[in-house]
C-alpha atoms as a PDB file:
ATOM      1  CA  UNK A   1      19.151 -37.311-132.891  1.00  0.00           C
ATOM      2  CA  UNK A   2      22.871 -36.843-133.536  1.00  0.00           C
ATOM      3  CA  UNK A   3      23.197 -40.664-133.958  1.00  0.00           C
ATOM      4  CA  UNK A   4      20.328 -40.643-136.482  1.00  0.00           C
ATOM      5  CA  UNK A   5      21.966 -37.788-138.447  1.00  0.00           C
ATOM      6  CA  UNK A   6      25.272 -39.660-138.611  1.00  0.00           C
ATOM      7  CA  UNK A   7      23.552 -42.803-139.712  1.00  0.00           C
ATOM      8  CA  UNK A   8      21.670 -40.915-142.433  1.00  0.00           C
ATOM      9  CA  UNK A   9      24.845 -39.308-143.638  1.00  0.00           C
ATOM     10  CA  UNK A  10      26.660 -42.654-143.736  1.00  0.00           C
ATOM     11  CA  UNK A  11      23.812 -44.296-145.636  1.00  0.00           C
ATOM     12  CA  UNK A  12      23.739 -41.405-148.155  1.00  0.00           C
ATOM     13  CA  UNK A  13      27.464 -41.852-148.826  1.00  0.00           C
ATOM     14  CA  UNK A  14      27.064 -45.571-149.394  1.00  0.00           C
ATOM     15  CA  UNK A  15      24.089 -45.080-151.735  1.00  0.00           C
ATOM     16  CA  UNK A  16      25.894 -42.430-153.747  1.00  0.00           C
ATOM     17  CA  UNK A  17      28.999 -44.602-154.034  1.00  0.00           C
ATOM     18  CA  UNK A  18      26.874 -47.567-155.167  1.00  0.00           C
ATOM     19  CA  UNK A  19      25.328 -45.518-157.894  1.00  0.00           C
ATOM     20  CA  UNK A  20      28.572 -44.393-159.556  1.00  0.00           C
ATOM     21  CA  UNK A  21      29.678 -46.061-162.779  1.00  0.00           C
ATOM     22  CA  UNK A  22      32.475 -48.492-162.376  1.00  0.00           C
ATOM     23  CA  UNK A  23      35.596 -47.639-164.326  1.00  0.00           C
ATOM     24  CA  UNK A  24      36.355 -50.116-167.091  1.00  0.00           C
ATOM     25  CA  UNK A  25      39.997 -51.226-167.102  1.00  0.00           C
ATOM     26  CA  UNK A  26      42.105 -53.127-169.581  1.00  0.00           C
ATOM     27  CA  UNK A  27      42.024 -56.179-167.240  1.00  0.00           C
ATOM     28  CA  UNK A  28      38.278 -56.585-167.287  1.00  0.00           C
ATOM     29  CA  UNK A  29      36.753 -58.957-169.746  1.00  0.00           C
ATOM     30  CA  UNK A  30      35.548 -57.273-172.908  1.00  0.00           C
ATOM     31  CA  UNK A  31      31.776 -57.698-173.073  1.00  0.00           C
ATOM     32  CA  UNK A  32      31.971 -57.549-176.883  1.00  0.00           C
ATOM     33  CA  UNK A  33      34.351 -60.498-176.978  1.00  0.00           C
ATOM     34  CA  UNK A  34      32.137 -62.975-178.800  1.00  0.00           C
ATOM     35  CA  UNK A  35      34.949 -64.746-180.626  1.00  0.00           C
ATOM     36  CA  UNK A  36      36.947 -67.547-179.050  1.00  0.00           C
ATOM     37  CA  UNK A  37      40.603 -66.933-179.786  1.00  0.00           C
ATOM     38  CA  UNK A  38      43.402 -69.493-179.584  1.00  0.00           C
ATOM     39  CA  UNK A  39      47.157 -69.056-179.702  1.00  0.00           C
ATOM     40  CA  UNK A  40      47.577 -71.316-182.715  1.00  0.00           C
ATOM     41  CA  UNK A  41      44.838 -69.803-184.874  1.00  0.00           C
ATOM     42  CA  UNK A  42      44.963 -66.100-183.842  1.00  0.00           C
ATOM     43  CA  UNK A  43      47.576 -64.935-181.369  1.00  0.00           C
ATOM     44  CA  UNK A  44      50.711 -66.546-182.763  1.00  0.00           C
ATOM     45  CA  UNK A  45      50.328 -64.473-185.926  1.00  0.00           C
ATOM     46  CA  UNK A  46      50.170 -61.237-183.839  1.00  0.00           C
ATOM     47  CA  UNK A  47      53.221 -62.279-181.797  1.00  0.00           C
ATOM     48  CA  UNK A  48      55.155 -63.433-184.831  1.00  0.00           C
ATOM     49  CA  UNK A  49      54.423 -60.304-186.882  1.00  0.00           C
ATOM     50  CA  UNK A  50      55.058 -57.843-184.062  1.00  0.00           C
ATOM     51  CA  UNK A  51      57.302 -59.343-181.397  1.00  0.00           C
ATOM     52  CA  UNK A  52      59.494 -62.264-182.509  1.00  0.00           C
ATOM     53  CA  UNK A  53      61.888 -60.122-184.668  1.00  0.00           C
ATOM     54  CA  UNK A  54      63.276 -58.727-181.399  1.00  0.00           C
ATOM     55  CA  UNK A  55      62.180 -61.310-178.835  1.00  0.00           C
ATOM     56  CA  UNK A  56      63.601 -64.505-180.339  1.00  0.00           C
ATOM     57  CA  UNK A  57      67.164 -64.319-179.138  1.00  0.00           C
ATOM     58  CA  UNK A  58      69.126 -61.888-177.026  1.00  0.00           C
ATOM     59  CA  UNK A  59      66.301 -59.444-176.227  1.00  0.00           C
ATOM     60  CA  UNK A  60      64.228 -60.869-173.343  1.00  0.00           C
ATOM     61  CA  UNK A  61      61.673 -62.146-172.983  1.00  0.00           C
ATOM     62  CA  UNK A  62      61.712 -64.864-175.635  1.00  0.00           C
ATOM     63  CA  UNK A  63      58.343 -65.064-177.351  1.00  0.00           C
ATOM     64  CA  UNK A  64      58.871 -67.746-180.035  1.00  0.00           C
ATOM     65  CA  UNK A  65      56.246 -70.254-178.942  1.00  0.00           C
ATOM     66  CA  UNK A  66      53.169 -70.753-176.778  1.00  0.00           C
ATOM     67  CA  UNK A  67      54.947 -71.742-173.579  1.00  0.00           C
ATOM     68  CA  UNK A  68      57.358 -68.743-173.744  1.00  0.00           C
ATOM     69  CA  UNK A  69      54.433 -66.361-174.372  1.00  0.00           C
ATOM     70  CA  UNK A  70      52.536 -67.819-171.417  1.00  0.00           C
ATOM     71  CA  UNK A  71      55.598 -67.622-169.156  1.00  0.00           C
ATOM     72  CA  UNK A  72      55.802 -63.882-170.090  1.00  0.00           C
ATOM     73  CA  UNK A  73      52.047 -63.114-170.274  1.00  0.00           C
ATOM     74  CA  UNK A  74      52.194 -60.412-167.555  1.00  0.00           C
ATOM     75  CA  UNK A  75      55.045 -58.707-169.410  1.00  0.00           C
ATOM     76  CA  UNK A  76      53.175 -58.922-172.756  1.00  0.00           C
ATOM     77  CA  UNK A  77      50.019 -57.631-171.121  1.00  0.00           C
ATOM     78  CA  UNK A  78      51.826 -54.676-169.419  1.00  0.00           C
ATOM     79  CA  UNK A  79      53.931 -53.599-172.326  1.00  0.00           C
ATOM     80  CA  UNK A  80      51.670 -54.312-175.353  1.00  0.00           C
ATOM     81  CA  UNK A  81      48.216 -53.808-173.893  1.00  0.00           C
ATOM     82  CA  UNK A  82      48.304 -51.559-170.851  1.00  0.00           C
ATOM     83  CA  UNK A  83      51.297 -49.289-171.453  1.00  0.00           C
ATOM     84  CA  UNK A  84      51.351 -49.634-175.215  1.00  0.00           C
ATOM     85  CA  UNK A  85      55.113 -49.330-175.267  1.00  0.00           C
ATOM     86  CA  UNK A  86      55.649 -52.469-177.381  1.00  0.00           C
ATOM     87  CA  UNK A  87      56.297 -53.256-180.082  1.00  0.00           C
ATOM     88  CA  UNK A  88      58.903 -50.688-181.030  1.00  0.00           C
ATOM     89  CA  UNK A  89      60.310 -49.408-184.252  1.00  0.00           C
ATOM     90  CA  UNK A  90      63.617 -47.552-184.087  1.00  0.00           C
ATOM     91  CA  UNK A  91      63.358 -47.484-180.299  1.00  0.00           C
ATOM     92  CA  UNK A  92      59.984 -45.712-180.434  1.00  0.00           C
ATOM     93  CA  UNK A  93      56.674 -47.237-179.375  1.00  0.00           C
ATOM     94  CA  UNK A  94      54.604 -48.533-182.289  1.00  0.00           C
ATOM     95  CA  UNK A  95      51.526 -49.878-180.500  1.00  0.00           C
ATOM     96  CA  UNK A  96      49.519 -52.779-181.779  1.00  0.00           C
ATOM     97  CA  UNK A  97      46.330 -52.032-183.653  1.00  0.00           C
ATOM     98  CA  UNK A  98      43.154 -51.756-181.602  1.00  0.00           C
ATOM     99  CA  UNK A  99      41.989 -55.012-183.212  1.00  0.00           C
ATOM    100  CA  UNK A 100      45.106 -56.885-182.159  1.00  0.00           C
ATOM    101  CA  UNK A 101      44.926 -55.445-178.622  1.00  0.00           C
ATOM    102  CA  UNK A 102      41.248 -56.547-178.436  1.00  0.00           C
ATOM    103  CA  UNK A 103      42.164 -60.075-179.594  1.00  0.00           C
ATOM    104  CA  UNK A 104      45.003 -60.319-177.051  1.00  0.00           C
ATOM    105  CA  UNK A 105      42.692 -59.052-174.271  1.00  0.00           C
ATOM    106  CA  UNK A 106      39.987 -61.534-175.168  1.00  0.00           C
ATOM    107  CA  UNK A 107      42.465 -64.418-175.396  1.00  0.00           C
ATOM    108  CA  UNK A 108      43.931 -63.589-172.000  1.00  0.00           C
ATOM    109  CA  UNK A 109      40.516 -63.273-170.462  1.00  0.00           C
ATOM    110  CA  UNK A 110      39.550 -66.598-171.995  1.00  0.00           C
ATOM    111  CA  UNK A 111      42.413 -68.252-170.069  1.00  0.00           C
ATOM    112  CA  UNK A 112      44.910 -68.265-172.979  1.00  0.00           C
ATOM    113  CA  UNK A 113      43.841 -71.384-174.863  1.00  0.00           C
ATOM    114  CA  UNK A 114      46.556 -72.927-177.096  1.00  0.00           C
ATOM    115  CA  UNK A 115      44.394 -74.524-179.776  1.00  0.00           C
END
């Protein structure tokens, strides 16, 4: 009887856990991402307008072209999307717009096509 009670309790825990809603994180593909974004057509403009003024010379990482962005994609993702600490104006975070963050997320989740 004790074994049956333990089994019932374990099964209840599993069922309750299975019914909880999964947390959506920044890394999961956006289900509303219906547009195919490319670096050349969409992402380069976001990077050039918001990042290159600081990240084109002495301030690492360099983000002046597709290969540099791809080499630093984890940094871009962490700073600009997840933590929203970049870009900065006067050493204060000035996060990207929600639209630009969505485009970057979609592009990353679409395997970062160049063109």
